[in-house]
Amino acid sequence: MLPGNINPRQMKAMMKKLGMQVEPIEDVESIVIKTPKGNWVFGPVEVTAMTMQGATTYQIVGTPRFEEAAVEIPAEDIAMVAEQAQVPAEKAKEALITTKGDIAEAILKLSSP
C-alpha cells in the first residue's frame, strides 16, 4: 500500500493524468558508474524509467560496491625509482603500484632493508 492510503490503481491513474509514464527495465544484470577514482558497480539491480514532460529519469535500486581504479604508472616514474633505489624496473613498478604512484614512498620502501 502506498502512503496516504492511495491504492495503486488510483496512483497509476493520477500519474497518467499528469503525463507520467513509469516502466521497469527488464533483465538488467548490473549498472556501472565510472569516476576517475574508480567505479560504482550495482548488481543485481532493479531499474525503473520514469518519463515526465519529455525528460526521462532512471531509478536504480540495488547495493553498490566500489572498485578502485587501477593506478597508471608512467614509464619515467618507473625508471626514476629503479635508478634511485638501484633495483630492476619490475621491482620499481611493483613498489609504485603498492604506493599508488608515490615516487618518494616507493624509493624509501625499496631502499630500506
PDB file of N, CA and C in Angstrom:
ATOM      1  N   MET A   1       0.835  -1.178   0.000  1.00  0.00           N
ATOM      2  CA  MET A   1       0.000   0.000   0.000  1.00  0.00           C
ATOM      3  C   MET A   1       0.882   1.244   0.000  1.00  0.00           C
ATOM      4  N   LEU A   2       0.490   2.233  -0.726  1.00  0.00           N
ATOM      5  CA  LEU A   2       1.248   3.474  -0.832  1.00  0.00           C
ATOM      6  C   LEU A   2       0.876   4.431   0.289  1.00  0.00           C
ATOM      7  N   PRO A   3       1.731   5.413   0.581  1.00  0.00           N
ATOM      8  CA  PRO A   3       1.433   6.370   1.643  1.00  0.00           C
ATOM      9  C   PRO A   3       0.125   7.111   1.385  1.00  0.00           C
ATOM     10  N   GLY A   4      -0.576   7.445   2.466  1.00  0.00           N
ATOM     11  CA  GLY A   4      -1.828   8.187   2.334  1.00  0.00           C
ATOM     12  C   GLY A   4      -2.996   7.311   1.942  1.00  0.00           C
ATOM     13  N   ASN A   5      -2.838   6.012   2.067  1.00  0.00           N
ATOM     14  CA  ASN A   5      -3.919   5.066   1.749  1.00  0.00           C
ATOM     15  C   ASN A   5      -4.434   5.210   0.317  1.00  0.00           C
ATOM     16  N   ILE A   6      -3.550   5.519  -0.645  1.00  0.00           N
ATOM     17  CA  ILE A   6      -3.927   5.586  -2.053  1.00  0.00           C
ATOM     18  C   ILE A   6      -3.690   4.208  -2.639  1.00  0.00           C
ATOM     19  N   ASN A   7      -4.698   3.695  -3.315  1.00  0.00           N
ATOM     20  CA  ASN A   7      -4.488   2.367  -3.879  1.00  0.00           C
ATOM     21  C   ASN A   7      -3.689   2.487  -5.176  1.00  0.00           C
ATOM     22  N   PRO A   8      -2.922   1.459  -5.533  1.00  0.00           N
ATOM     23  CA  PRO A   8      -2.029   1.522  -6.692  1.00  0.00           C
ATOM     24  C   PRO A   8      -2.745   1.884  -7.991  1.00  0.00           C
ATOM     25  N   ARG A   9      -3.975   1.436  -8.163  1.00  0.00           N
ATOM     26  CA  ARG A   9      -4.727   1.731  -9.378  1.00  0.00           C
ATOM     27  C   ARG A   9      -5.004   3.238  -9.474  1.00  0.00           C
ATOM     28  N   GLN A  10      -5.384   3.846  -8.339  1.00  0.00           N
ATOM     29  CA  GLN A  10      -5.627   5.294  -8.319  1.00  0.00           C
ATOM     30  C   GLN A  10      -4.331   6.062  -8.596  1.00  0.00           C
ATOM     31  N   MET A  11      -3.258   5.584  -8.012  1.00  0.00           N
ATOM     32  CA  MET A  11      -1.962   6.231  -8.220  1.00  0.00           C
ATOM     33  C   MET A  11      -1.575   6.190  -9.694  1.00  0.00           C
ATOM     34  N   LYS A  12      -1.783   5.053 -10.340  1.00  0.00           N
ATOM     35  CA  LYS A  12      -1.462   4.914 -11.752  1.00  0.00           C
ATOM     36  C   LYS A  12      -2.296   5.873 -12.593  1.00  0.00           C
ATOM     37  N   ALA A  13      -3.587   6.006 -12.257  1.00  0.00           N
ATOM     38  CA  ALA A  13      -4.476   6.920 -12.983  1.00  0.00           C
ATOM     39  C   ALA A  13      -4.032   8.371 -12.788  1.00  0.00           C
ATOM     40  N   MET A  14      -3.627   8.737 -11.571  1.00  0.00           N
ATOM     41  CA  MET A  14      -3.168  10.094 -11.299  1.00  0.00           C
ATOM     42  C   MET A  14      -1.885  10.391 -12.087  1.00  0.00           C
ATOM     43  N   MET A  15      -0.987   9.431 -12.116  1.00  0.00           N
ATOM     44  CA  MET A  15       0.266   9.612 -12.838  1.00  0.00           C
ATOM     45  C   MET A  15       0.001   9.780 -14.332  1.00  0.00           C
ATOM     46  N   LYS A  16      -0.960   9.033 -14.866  1.00  0.00           N
ATOM     47  CA  LYS A  16      -1.297   9.135 -16.280  1.00  0.00           C
ATOM     48  C   LYS A  16      -1.857  10.518 -16.592  1.00  0.00           C
ATOM     49  N   LYS A  17      -2.690  11.050 -15.690  1.00  0.00           N
ATOM     50  CA  LYS A  17      -3.255  12.397 -15.880  1.00  0.00           C
ATOM     51  C   LYS A  17      -2.154  13.453 -15.891  1.00  0.00           C
ATOM     52  N   LEU A  18      -1.122  13.244 -15.089  1.00  0.00           N
ATOM     53  CA  LEU A  18      -0.009  14.184 -15.024  1.00  0.00           C
ATOM     54  C   LEU A  18       0.987  14.007 -16.175  1.00  0.00           C
ATOM     55  N   GLY A  19       0.767  13.012 -17.003  1.00  0.00           N
ATOM     56  CA  GLY A  19       1.662  12.764 -18.131  1.00  0.00           C
ATOM     57  C   GLY A  19       2.902  11.984 -17.761  1.00  0.00           C
ATOM     58  N   MET A  20       2.850  11.258 -16.655  1.00  0.00           N
ATOM     59  CA  MET A  20       3.996  10.466 -16.210  1.00  0.00           C
ATOM     60  C   MET A  20       3.865   9.032 -16.700  1.00  0.00           C
ATOM     61  N   GLN A  21       4.955   8.491 -17.161  1.00  0.00           N
ATOM     62  CA  GLN A  21       4.996   7.079 -17.544  1.00  0.00           C
ATOM     63  C   GLN A  21       6.125   6.418 -16.765  1.00  0.00           C
ATOM     64  N   VAL A  22       5.800   5.320 -16.098  1.00  0.00           N
ATOM     65  CA  VAL A  22       6.799   4.587 -15.326  1.00  0.00           C
ATOM     66  C   VAL A  22       6.851   3.166 -15.865  1.00  0.00           C
ATOM     67  N   GLU A  23       8.063   2.764 -16.272  1.00  0.00           N
ATOM     68  CA  GLU A  23       8.231   1.418 -16.825  1.00  0.00           C
ATOM     69  C   GLU A  23       9.486   0.774 -16.243  1.00  0.00           C
ATOM     70  N   PRO A  24       9.372  -0.480 -15.803  1.00  0.00           N
ATOM     71  CA  PRO A  24      10.587  -1.177 -15.362  1.00  0.00           C
ATOM     72  C   PRO A  24      11.412  -1.596 -16.580  1.00  0.00           C
ATOM     73  N   ILE A  25      12.725  -1.587 -16.422  1.00  0.00           N
ATOM     74  CA  ILE A  25      13.617  -2.077 -17.474  1.00  0.00           C
ATOM     75  C   ILE A  25      13.989  -3.500 -17.070  1.00  0.00           C
ATOM     76  N   GLU A  26      13.635  -4.436 -17.899  1.00  0.00           N
ATOM     77  CA  GLU A  26      13.785  -5.856 -17.582  1.00  0.00           C
ATOM     78  C   GLU A  26      15.199  -6.378 -17.853  1.00  0.00           C
ATOM     79  N   ASP A  27      15.558  -7.417 -17.142  1.00  0.00           N
ATOM     80  CA  ASP A  27      16.781  -8.197 -17.358  1.00  0.00           C
ATOM     81  C   ASP A  27      18.080  -7.389 -17.231  1.00  0.00           C
ATOM     82  N   VAL A  28      18.106  -6.403 -16.324  1.00  0.00           N
ATOM     83  CA  VAL A  28      19.335  -5.640 -16.087  1.00  0.00           C
ATOM     84  C   VAL A  28      20.208  -6.453 -15.137  1.00  0.00           C
ATOM     85  N   GLU A  29      21.429  -6.740 -15.542  1.00  0.00           N
ATOM     86  CA  GLU A  29      22.338  -7.531 -14.718  1.00  0.00           C
ATOM     87  C   GLU A  29      23.171  -6.658 -13.794  1.00  0.00           C
ATOM     88  N   SER A  30      23.648  -5.511 -14.306  1.00  0.00           N
ATOM     89  CA  SER A  30      24.431  -4.611 -13.472  1.00  0.00           C
ATOM     90  C   SER A  30      24.449  -3.223 -14.081  1.00  0.00           C
ATOM     91  N   ILE A  31      24.777  -2.237 -13.238  1.00  0.00           N
ATOM     92  CA  ILE A  31      24.945  -0.846 -13.654  1.00  0.00           C
ATOM     93  C   ILE A  31      26.325  -0.418 -13.157  1.00  0.00           C
ATOM     94  N   VAL A  32      27.107   0.260 -13.998  1.00  0.00           N
ATOM     95  CA  VAL A  32      28.436   0.728 -13.612  1.00  0.00           C
ATOM     96  C   VAL A  32      28.489   2.243 -13.788  1.00  0.00           C
ATOM     97  N   ILE A  33      28.856   2.940 -12.714  1.00  0.00           N
ATOM     98  CA  ILE A  33      29.057   4.384 -12.773  1.00  0.00           C
ATOM     99  C   ILE A  33      30.560   4.611 -12.660  1.00  0.00           C
ATOM    100  N   LYS A  34      31.166   5.144 -13.718  1.00  0.00           N
ATOM    101  CA  LYS A  34      32.617   5.319 -13.772  1.00  0.00           C
ATOM    102  C   LYS A  34      33.004   6.705 -13.269  1.00  0.00           C
ATOM    103  N   THR A  35      34.010   6.750 -12.394  1.00  0.00           N
ATOM    104  CA  THR A  35      34.569   8.003 -11.893  1.00  0.00           C
ATOM    105  C   THR A  35      36.091   7.924 -12.017  1.00  0.00           C
ATOM    106  N   PRO A  36      36.793   9.049 -11.923  1.00  0.00           N
ATOM    107  CA  PRO A  36      38.257   8.991 -12.013  1.00  0.00           C
ATOM    108  C   PRO A  36      38.904   8.139 -10.908  1.00  0.00           C
ATOM    109  N   LYS A  37      38.277   8.075  -9.738  1.00  0.00           N
ATOM    110  CA  LYS A  37      38.850   7.310  -8.629  1.00  0.00           C
ATOM    111  C   LYS A  37      38.485   5.835  -8.666  1.00  0.00           C
ATOM    112  N   GLY A  38      37.493   5.458  -9.465  1.00  0.00           N
ATOM    113  CA  GLY A  38      37.070   4.066  -9.542  1.00  0.00           C
ATOM    114  C   GLY A  38      35.645   3.955 -10.046  1.00  0.00           C
ATOM    115  N   ASN A  39      35.074   2.772  -9.918  1.00  0.00           N
ATOM    116  CA  ASN A  39      33.733   2.509 -10.427  1.00  0.00           C
ATOM    117  C   ASN A  39      32.785   2.072  -9.323  1.00  0.00           C
ATOM    118  N   TRP A  40      31.558   2.591  -9.378  1.00  0.00           N
ATOM    119  CA  TRP A  40      30.474   2.120  -8.514  1.00  0.00           C
ATOM    120  C   TRP A  40      29.727   1.072  -9.322  1.00  0.00           C
ATOM    121  N   VAL A  41      29.661  -0.148  -8.819  1.00  0.00           N
ATOM    122  CA  VAL A  41      29.015  -1.240  -9.531  1.00  0.00           C
ATOM    123  C   VAL A  41      27.790  -1.671  -8.733  1.00  0.00           C
ATOM    124  N   PHE A  42      26.629  -1.626  -9.372  1.00  0.00           N
ATOM    125  CA  PHE A  42      25.378  -2.062  -8.773  1.00  0.00           C
ATOM    126  C   PHE A  42      24.995  -3.389  -9.424  1.00  0.00           C
ATOM    127  N   GLY A  43      24.734  -4.402  -8.651  1.00  0.00           N
ATOM    128  CA  GLY A  43      24.304  -5.662  -9.223  1.00  0.00           C
ATOM    129  C   GLY A  43      24.098  -6.691  -8.135  1.00  0.00           C
ATOM    130  N   PRO A  44      23.051  -7.446  -8.142  1.00  0.00           N
ATOM    131  CA  PRO A  44      21.892  -7.336  -9.027  1.00  0.00           C
ATOM    132  C   PRO A  44      21.148  -6.036  -8.758  1.00  0.00           C
ATOM    133  N   VAL A  45      20.381  -5.602  -9.755  1.00  0.00           N
ATOM    134  CA  VAL A  45      19.773  -4.284  -9.677  1.00  0.00           C
ATOM    135  C   VAL A  45      18.399  -4.267 -10.340  1.00  0.00           C
ATOM    136  N   GLU A  46      17.545  -3.389  -9.830  1.00  0.00           N
ATOM    137  CA  GLU A  46      16.249  -3.132 -10.463  1.00  0.00           C
ATOM    138  C   GLU A  46      16.298  -1.708 -10.992  1.00  0.00           C
ATOM    139  N   VAL A  47      15.900  -1.523 -12.253  1.00  0.00           N
ATOM    140  CA  VAL A  47      15.929  -0.193 -12.858  1.00  0.00           C
ATOM    141  C   VAL A  47      14.538   0.157 -13.351  1.00  0.00           C
ATOM    142  N   THR A  48      14.108   1.384 -13.028  1.00  0.00           N
ATOM    143  CA  THR A  48      12.814   1.882 -13.465  1.00  0.00           C
ATOM    144  C   THR A  48      13.039   3.184 -14.223  1.00  0.00           C
ATOM    145  N   ALA A  49      12.388   3.318 -15.381  1.00  0.00           N
ATOM    146  CA  ALA A  49      12.481   4.546 -16.166  1.00  0.00           C
ATOM    147  C   ALA A  49      11.185   5.331 -15.974  1.00  0.00           C
ATOM    148  N   MET A  50      11.295   6.608 -15.603  1.00  0.00           N
ATOM    149  CA  MET A  50      10.122   7.452 -15.423  1.00  0.00           C
ATOM    150  C   MET A  50      10.249   8.634 -16.377  1.00  0.00           C
ATOM    151  N   THR A  51       9.242   8.797 -17.246  1.00  0.00           N
ATOM    152  CA  THR A  51       9.235   9.887 -18.205  1.00  0.00           C
ATOM    153  C   THR A  51       8.155  10.879 -17.802  1.00  0.00           C
ATOM    154  N   MET A  52       8.559  12.155 -17.689  1.00  0.00           N
ATOM    155  CA  MET A  52       7.619  13.215 -17.334  1.00  0.00           C
ATOM    156  C   MET A  52       8.046  14.483 -18.053  1.00  0.00           C
ATOM    157  N   GLN A  53       7.136  15.091 -18.770  1.00  0.00           N
ATOM    158  CA  GLN A  53       7.378  16.316 -19.530  1.00  0.00           C
ATOM    159  C   GLN A  53       8.581  16.180 -20.456  1.00  0.00           C
ATOM    160  N   GLY A  54       8.714  15.044 -21.089  1.00  0.00           N
ATOM    161  CA  GLY A  54       9.769  14.827 -22.071  1.00  0.00           C
ATOM    162  C   GLY A  54      11.126  14.452 -21.512  1.00  0.00           C
ATOM    163  N   ALA A  55      11.274  14.462 -20.189  1.00  0.00           N
ATOM    164  CA  ALA A  55      12.552  14.092 -19.578  1.00  0.00           C
ATOM    165  C   ALA A  55      12.423  12.716 -18.936  1.00  0.00           C
ATOM    166  N   THR A  56      13.422  11.875 -19.158  1.00  0.00           N
ATOM    167  CA  THR A  56      13.410  10.533 -18.583  1.00  0.00           C
ATOM    168  C   THR A  56      14.411  10.463 -17.440  1.00  0.00           C
ATOM    169  N   THR A  57      13.937   9.948 -16.300  1.00  0.00           N
ATOM    170  CA  THR A  57      14.761   9.759 -15.118  1.00  0.00           C
ATOM    171  C   THR A  57      14.826   8.273 -14.831  1.00  0.00           C
ATOM    172  N   TYR A  58      16.003   7.795 -14.435  1.00  0.00           N
ATOM    173  CA  TYR A  58      16.172   6.380 -14.136  1.00  0.00           C
ATOM    174  C   TYR A  58      16.414   6.203 -12.646  1.00  0.00           C
ATOM    175  N   GLN A  59      15.689   5.254 -12.069  1.00  0.00           N
ATOM    176  CA  GLN A  59      15.859   4.937 -10.651  1.00  0.00           C
ATOM    177  C   GLN A  59      16.534   3.582 -10.549  1.00  0.00           C
ATOM    178  N   ILE A  60      17.638   3.542  -9.786  1.00  0.00           N
ATOM    179  CA  ILE A  60      18.411   2.318  -9.600  1.00  0.00           C
ATOM    180  C   ILE A  60      18.206   1.845  -8.168  1.00  0.00           C
ATOM    181  N   VAL A  61      17.789   0.598  -8.008  1.00  0.00           N
ATOM    182  CA  VAL A  61      17.627   0.029  -6.679  1.00  0.00           C
ATOM    183  C   VAL A  61      18.534  -1.197  -6.594  1.00  0.00           C
ATOM    184  N   GLY A  62      19.518  -1.124  -5.701  1.00  0.00           N
ATOM    185  CA  GLY A  62      20.462  -2.217  -5.532  1.00  0.00           C
ATOM    186  C   GLY A  62      21.553  -1.798  -4.569  1.00  0.00           C
ATOM    187  N   THR A  63      22.425  -2.711  -4.255  1.00  0.00           N
ATOM    188  CA  THR A  63      23.518  -2.431  -3.327  1.00  0.00           C
ATOM    189  C   THR A  63      24.797  -2.199  -4.132  1.00  0.00           C
ATOM    190  N   PRO A  64      25.405  -1.000  -3.993  1.00  0.00           N
ATOM    191  CA  PRO A  64      26.623  -0.729  -4.759  1.00  0.00           C
ATOM    192  C   PRO A  64      27.870  -1.238  -4.054  1.00  0.00           C
ATOM    193  N   ARG A  65      28.909  -1.475  -4.842  1.00  0.00           N
ATOM    194  CA  ARG A  65      30.237  -1.733  -4.298  1.00  0.00           C
ATOM    195  C   ARG A  65      31.200  -0.844  -5.087  1.00  0.00           C
ATOM    196  N   PHE A  66      32.264  -0.399  -4.431  1.00  0.00           N
ATOM    197  CA  PHE A  66      33.215   0.493  -5.075  1.00  0.00           C
ATOM    198  C   PHE A  66      34.457  -0.288  -5.467  1.00  0.00           C
ATOM    199  N   GLU A  67      34.855  -0.156  -6.722  1.00  0.00           N
ATOM    200  CA  GLU A  67      36.074  -0.796  -7.224  1.00  0.00           C
ATOM    201  C   GLU A  67      37.051   0.308  -7.609  1.00  0.00           C
ATOM    202  N   GLU A  68      38.178   0.376  -6.901  1.00  0.00           N
ATOM    203  CA  GLU A  68      39.161   1.423  -7.166  1.00  0.00           C
ATOM    204  C   GLU A  68      39.761   1.275  -8.559  1.00  0.00           C
ATOM    205  N   ALA A  69      40.039   2.410  -9.173  1.00  0.00           N
ATOM    206  CA  ALA A  69      40.664   2.411 -10.496  1.00  0.00           C
ATOM    207  C   ALA A  69      42.109   1.948 -10.377  1.00  0.00           C
ATOM    208  N   ALA A  70      42.576   1.265 -11.392  1.00  0.00           N
ATOM    209  CA  ALA A  70      43.976   0.823 -11.416  1.00  0.00           C
ATOM    210  C   ALA A  70      44.871   2.044 -11.572  1.00  0.00           C
ATOM    211  N   VAL A  71      45.961   2.055 -10.844  1.00  0.00           N
ATOM    212  CA  VAL A  71      46.897   3.171 -10.896  1.00  0.00           C
ATOM    213  C   VAL A  71      47.731   3.051 -12.164  1.00  0.00           C
ATOM    214  N   GLU A  72      47.788   4.136 -12.938  1.00  0.00           N
ATOM    215  CA  GLU A  72      48.624   4.151 -14.140  1.00  0.00           C
ATOM    216  C   GLU A  72      49.978   4.739 -13.772  1.00  0.00           C
ATOM    217  N   ILE A  73      51.011   3.978 -13.997  1.00  0.00           N
ATOM    218  CA  ILE A  73      52.362   4.400 -13.631  1.00  0.00           C
ATOM    219  C   ILE A  73      53.136   4.750 -14.902  1.00  0.00           C
ATOM    220  N   PRO A  74      53.539   6.017 -15.058  1.00  0.00           N
ATOM    221  CA  PRO A  74      54.323   6.409 -16.235  1.00  0.00           C
ATOM    222  C   PRO A  74      55.699   5.730 -16.251  1.00  0.00           C
ATOM    223  N   ALA A  75      56.195   5.442 -17.434  1.00  0.00           N
ATOM    224  CA  ALA A  75      57.492   4.778 -17.602  1.00  0.00           C
ATOM    225  C   ALA A  75      58.627   5.606 -16.986  1.00  0.00           C
ATOM    226  N   GLU A  76      58.504   6.937 -17.041  1.00  0.00           N
ATOM    227  CA  GLU A  76      59.544   7.803 -16.471  1.00  0.00           C
ATOM    228  C   GLU A  76      59.639   7.602 -14.959  1.00  0.00           C
ATOM    229  N   ASP A  77      58.480   7.445 -14.295  1.00  0.00           N
ATOM    230  CA  ASP A  77      58.474   7.231 -12.848  1.00  0.00           C
ATOM    231  C   ASP A  77      59.138   5.904 -12.495  1.00  0.00           C
ATOM    232  N   ILE A  78      58.854   4.870 -13.292  1.00  0.00           N
ATOM    233  CA  ILE A  78      59.451   3.551 -13.052  1.00  0.00           C
ATOM    234  C   ILE A  78      60.972   3.642 -13.187  1.00  0.00           C
ATOM    235  N   ALA A  79      61.423   4.325 -14.249  1.00  0.00           N
ATOM    236  CA  ALA A  79      62.863   4.469 -14.477  1.00  0.00           C
ATOM    237  C   ALA A  79      63.532   5.237 -13.344  1.00  0.00           C
ATOM    238  N   MET A  80      62.884   6.308 -12.873  1.00  0.00           N
ATOM    239  CA  MET A  80      63.464   7.117 -11.806  1.00  0.00           C
ATOM    240  C   MET A  80      63.583   6.320 -10.508  1.00  0.00           C
ATOM    241  N   VAL A  81      62.520   5.583 -10.159  1.00  0.00           N
ATOM    242  CA  VAL A  81      62.542   4.793  -8.921  1.00  0.00           C
ATOM    243  C   VAL A  81      63.583   3.681  -9.032  1.00  0.00           C
ATOM    244  N   ALA A  82      63.655   3.022 -10.188  1.00  0.00           N
ATOM    245  CA  ALA A  82      64.634   1.946 -10.389  1.00  0.00           C
ATOM    246  C   ALA A  82      66.061   2.477 -10.234  1.00  0.00           C
ATOM    247  N   GLU A  83      66.307   3.657 -10.811  1.00  0.00           N
ATOM    248  CA  GLU A  83      67.645   4.246 -10.739  1.00  0.00           C
ATOM    249  C   GLU A  83      67.992   4.676  -9.306  1.00  0.00           C
ATOM    250  N   GLN A  84      67.072   5.375  -8.656  1.00  0.00           N
ATOM    251  CA  GLN A  84      67.327   5.890  -7.308  1.00  0.00           C
ATOM    252  C   GLN A  84      67.489   4.766  -6.279  1.00  0.00           C
ATOM    253  N   ALA A  85      66.653   3.722  -6.400  1.00  0.00           N
ATOM    254  CA  ALA A  85      66.698   2.617  -5.425  1.00  0.00           C
ATOM    255  C   ALA A  85      67.655   1.510  -5.854  1.00  0.00           C
ATOM    256  N   GLN A  86      68.204   1.625  -7.077  1.00  0.00           N
ATOM    257  CA  GLN A  86      69.121   0.640  -7.639  1.00  0.00           C
ATOM    258  C   GLN A  86      68.510  -0.761  -7.634  1.00  0.00           C
ATOM    259  N   VAL A  87      67.320  -0.845  -8.250  1.00  0.00           N
ATOM    260  CA  VAL A  87      66.600  -2.123  -8.378  1.00  0.00           C
ATOM    261  C   VAL A  87      66.140  -2.267  -9.824  1.00  0.00           C
ATOM    262  N   PRO A  88      65.770  -3.488 -10.234  1.00  0.00           N
ATOM    263  CA  PRO A  88      65.242  -3.673 -11.589  1.00  0.00           C
ATOM    264  C   PRO A  88      63.917  -2.908 -11.774  1.00  0.00           C
ATOM    265  N   ALA A  89      63.601  -2.590 -13.012  1.00  0.00           N
ATOM    266  CA  ALA A  89      62.391  -1.825 -13.336  1.00  0.00           C
ATOM    267  C   ALA A  89      61.120  -2.525 -12.847  1.00  0.00           C
ATOM    268  N   GLU A  90      61.104  -3.849 -12.918  1.00  0.00           N
ATOM    269  CA  GLU A  90      59.912  -4.594 -12.488  1.00  0.00           C
ATOM    270  C   GLU A  90      59.626  -4.385 -10.996  1.00  0.00           C
ATOM    271  N   LYS A  91      60.694  -4.418 -10.180  1.00  0.00           N
ATOM    272  CA  LYS A  91      60.534  -4.183  -8.737  1.00  0.00           C
ATOM    273  C   LYS A  91      60.086  -2.750  -8.476  1.00  0.00           C
ATOM    274  N   ALA A  92      60.629  -1.811  -9.257  1.00  0.00           N
ATOM    275  CA  ALA A  92      60.248  -0.410  -9.104  1.00  0.00           C
ATOM    276  C   ALA A  92      58.768  -0.224  -9.429  1.00  0.00           C
ATOM    277  N   LYS A  93      58.306  -0.889 -10.480  1.00  0.00           N
ATOM    278  CA  LYS A  93      56.895  -0.785 -10.867  1.00  0.00           C
ATOM    279  C   LYS A  93      55.993  -1.361  -9.775  1.00  0.00           C
ATOM    280  N   GLU A  94      56.374  -2.518  -9.228  1.00  0.00           N
ATOM    281  CA  GLU A  94      55.587  -3.136  -8.144  1.00  0.00           C
ATOM    282  C   GLU A  94      55.487  -2.201  -6.946  1.00  0.00           C
ATOM    283  N   ALA A  95      56.604  -1.562  -6.598  1.00  0.00           N
ATOM    284  CA  ALA A  95      56.610  -0.636  -5.459  1.00  0.00           C
ATOM    285  C   ALA A  95      55.727   0.573  -5.735  1.00  0.00           C
ATOM    286  N   LEU A  96      55.752   1.078  -6.956  1.00  0.00           N
ATOM    287  CA  LEU A  96      54.910   2.220  -7.314  1.00  0.00           C
ATOM    288  C   LEU A  96      53.428   1.848  -7.279  1.00  0.00           C
ATOM    289  N   ILE A  97      53.093   0.657  -7.705  1.00  0.00           N
ATOM    290  CA  ILE A  97      51.699   0.206  -7.651  1.00  0.00           C
ATOM    291  C   ILE A  97      51.252   0.084  -6.199  1.00  0.00           C
ATOM    292  N   THR A  98      52.110  -0.496  -5.360  1.00  0.00           N
ATOM    293  CA  THR A  98      51.798  -0.656  -3.934  1.00  0.00           C
ATOM    294  C   THR A  98      51.586   0.691  -3.257  1.00  0.00           C
ATOM    295  N   THR A  99      52.393   1.687  -3.644  1.00  0.00           N
ATOM    296  CA  THR A  99      52.311   3.011  -3.014  1.00  0.00           C
ATOM    297  C   THR A  99      51.374   3.957  -3.775  1.00  0.00           C
ATOM    298  N   LYS A 100      50.629   3.403  -4.729  1.00  0.00           N
ATOM    299  CA  LYS A 100      49.660   4.173  -5.540  1.00  0.00           C
ATOM    300  C   LYS A 100      50.315   5.344  -6.256  1.00  0.00           C
ATOM    301  N   GLY A 101      51.527   5.107  -6.777  1.00  0.00           N
ATOM    302  CA  GLY A 101      52.217   6.090  -7.594  1.00  0.00           C
ATOM    303  C   GLY A 101      53.071   7.086  -6.835  1.00  0.00           C
ATOM    304  N   ASP A 102      53.193   6.926  -5.532  1.00  0.00           N
ATOM    305  CA  ASP A 102      54.005   7.854  -4.735  1.00  0.00           C
ATOM    306  C   ASP A 102      55.482   7.500  -4.919  1.00  0.00           C
ATOM    307  N   ILE A 103      56.197   8.349  -5.669  1.00  0.00           N
ATOM    308  CA  ILE A 103      57.597   8.078  -6.012  1.00  0.00           C
ATOM    309  C   ILE A 103      58.491   8.023  -4.782  1.00  0.00           C
ATOM    310  N   ALA A 104      58.384   9.028  -3.928  1.00  0.00           N
ATOM    311  CA  ALA A 104      59.253   9.086  -2.739  1.00  0.00           C
ATOM    312  C   ALA A 104      59.032   7.878  -1.836  1.00  0.00           C
ATOM    313  N   GLU A 105      57.776   7.522  -1.615  1.00  0.00           N
ATOM    314  CA  GLU A 105      57.474   6.370  -0.751  1.00  0.00           C
ATOM    315  C   GLU A 105      58.001   5.068  -1.362  1.00  0.00           C
ATOM    316  N   ALA A 106      57.886   4.944  -2.690  1.00  0.00           N
ATOM    317  CA  ALA A 106      58.385   3.740  -3.368  1.00  0.00           C
ATOM    318  C   ALA A 106      59.894   3.623  -3.214  1.00  0.00           C
ATOM    319  N   ILE A 107      60.606   4.738  -3.372  1.00  0.00           N
ATOM    320  CA  ILE A 107      62.080   4.718  -3.226  1.00  0.00           C
ATOM    321  C   ILE A 107      62.450   4.347  -1.799  1.00  0.00           C
ATOM    322  N   LEU A 108      61.788   4.947  -0.813  1.00  0.00           N
ATOM    323  CA  LEU A 108      62.068   4.622   0.593  1.00  0.00           C
ATOM    324  C   LEU A 108      61.794   3.155   0.887  1.00  0.00           C
ATOM    325  N   LYS A 109      60.696   2.657   0.347  1.00  0.00           N
ATOM    326  CA  LYS A 109      60.335   1.258   0.591  1.00  0.00           C
ATOM    327  C   LYS A 109      61.390   0.309   0.009  1.00  0.00           C
ATOM    328  N   LEU A 110      61.883   0.619  -1.169  1.00  0.00           N
ATOM    329  CA  LEU A 110      62.873  -0.249  -1.817  1.00  0.00           C
ATOM    330  C   LEU A 110      64.272  -0.078  -1.213  1.00  0.00           C
ATOM    331  N   SER A 111      64.560   1.099  -0.675  1.00  0.00           N
ATOM    332  CA  SER A 111      65.893   1.380  -0.131  1.00  0.00           C
ATOM    333  C   SER A 111      66.082   0.852   1.301  1.00  0.00           C
ATOM    334  N   SER A 112      64.975   0.722   2.034  1.00  0.00           N
ATOM    335  CA  SER A 112      65.109   0.253   3.422  1.00  0.00           C
ATOM    336  C   SER A 112      65.222  -1.274   3.443  1.00  0.00           C
ATOM    337  N   PRO A 113      66.022  -1.802   4.401  1.00  0.00           N
ATOM    338  CA  PRO A 113      66.274  -3.255   4.448  1.00  0.00           C
ATOM    339  C   PRO A 113      65.073  -4.060   4.867  1.00  0.00           C
TER     340      PRO A 113
END
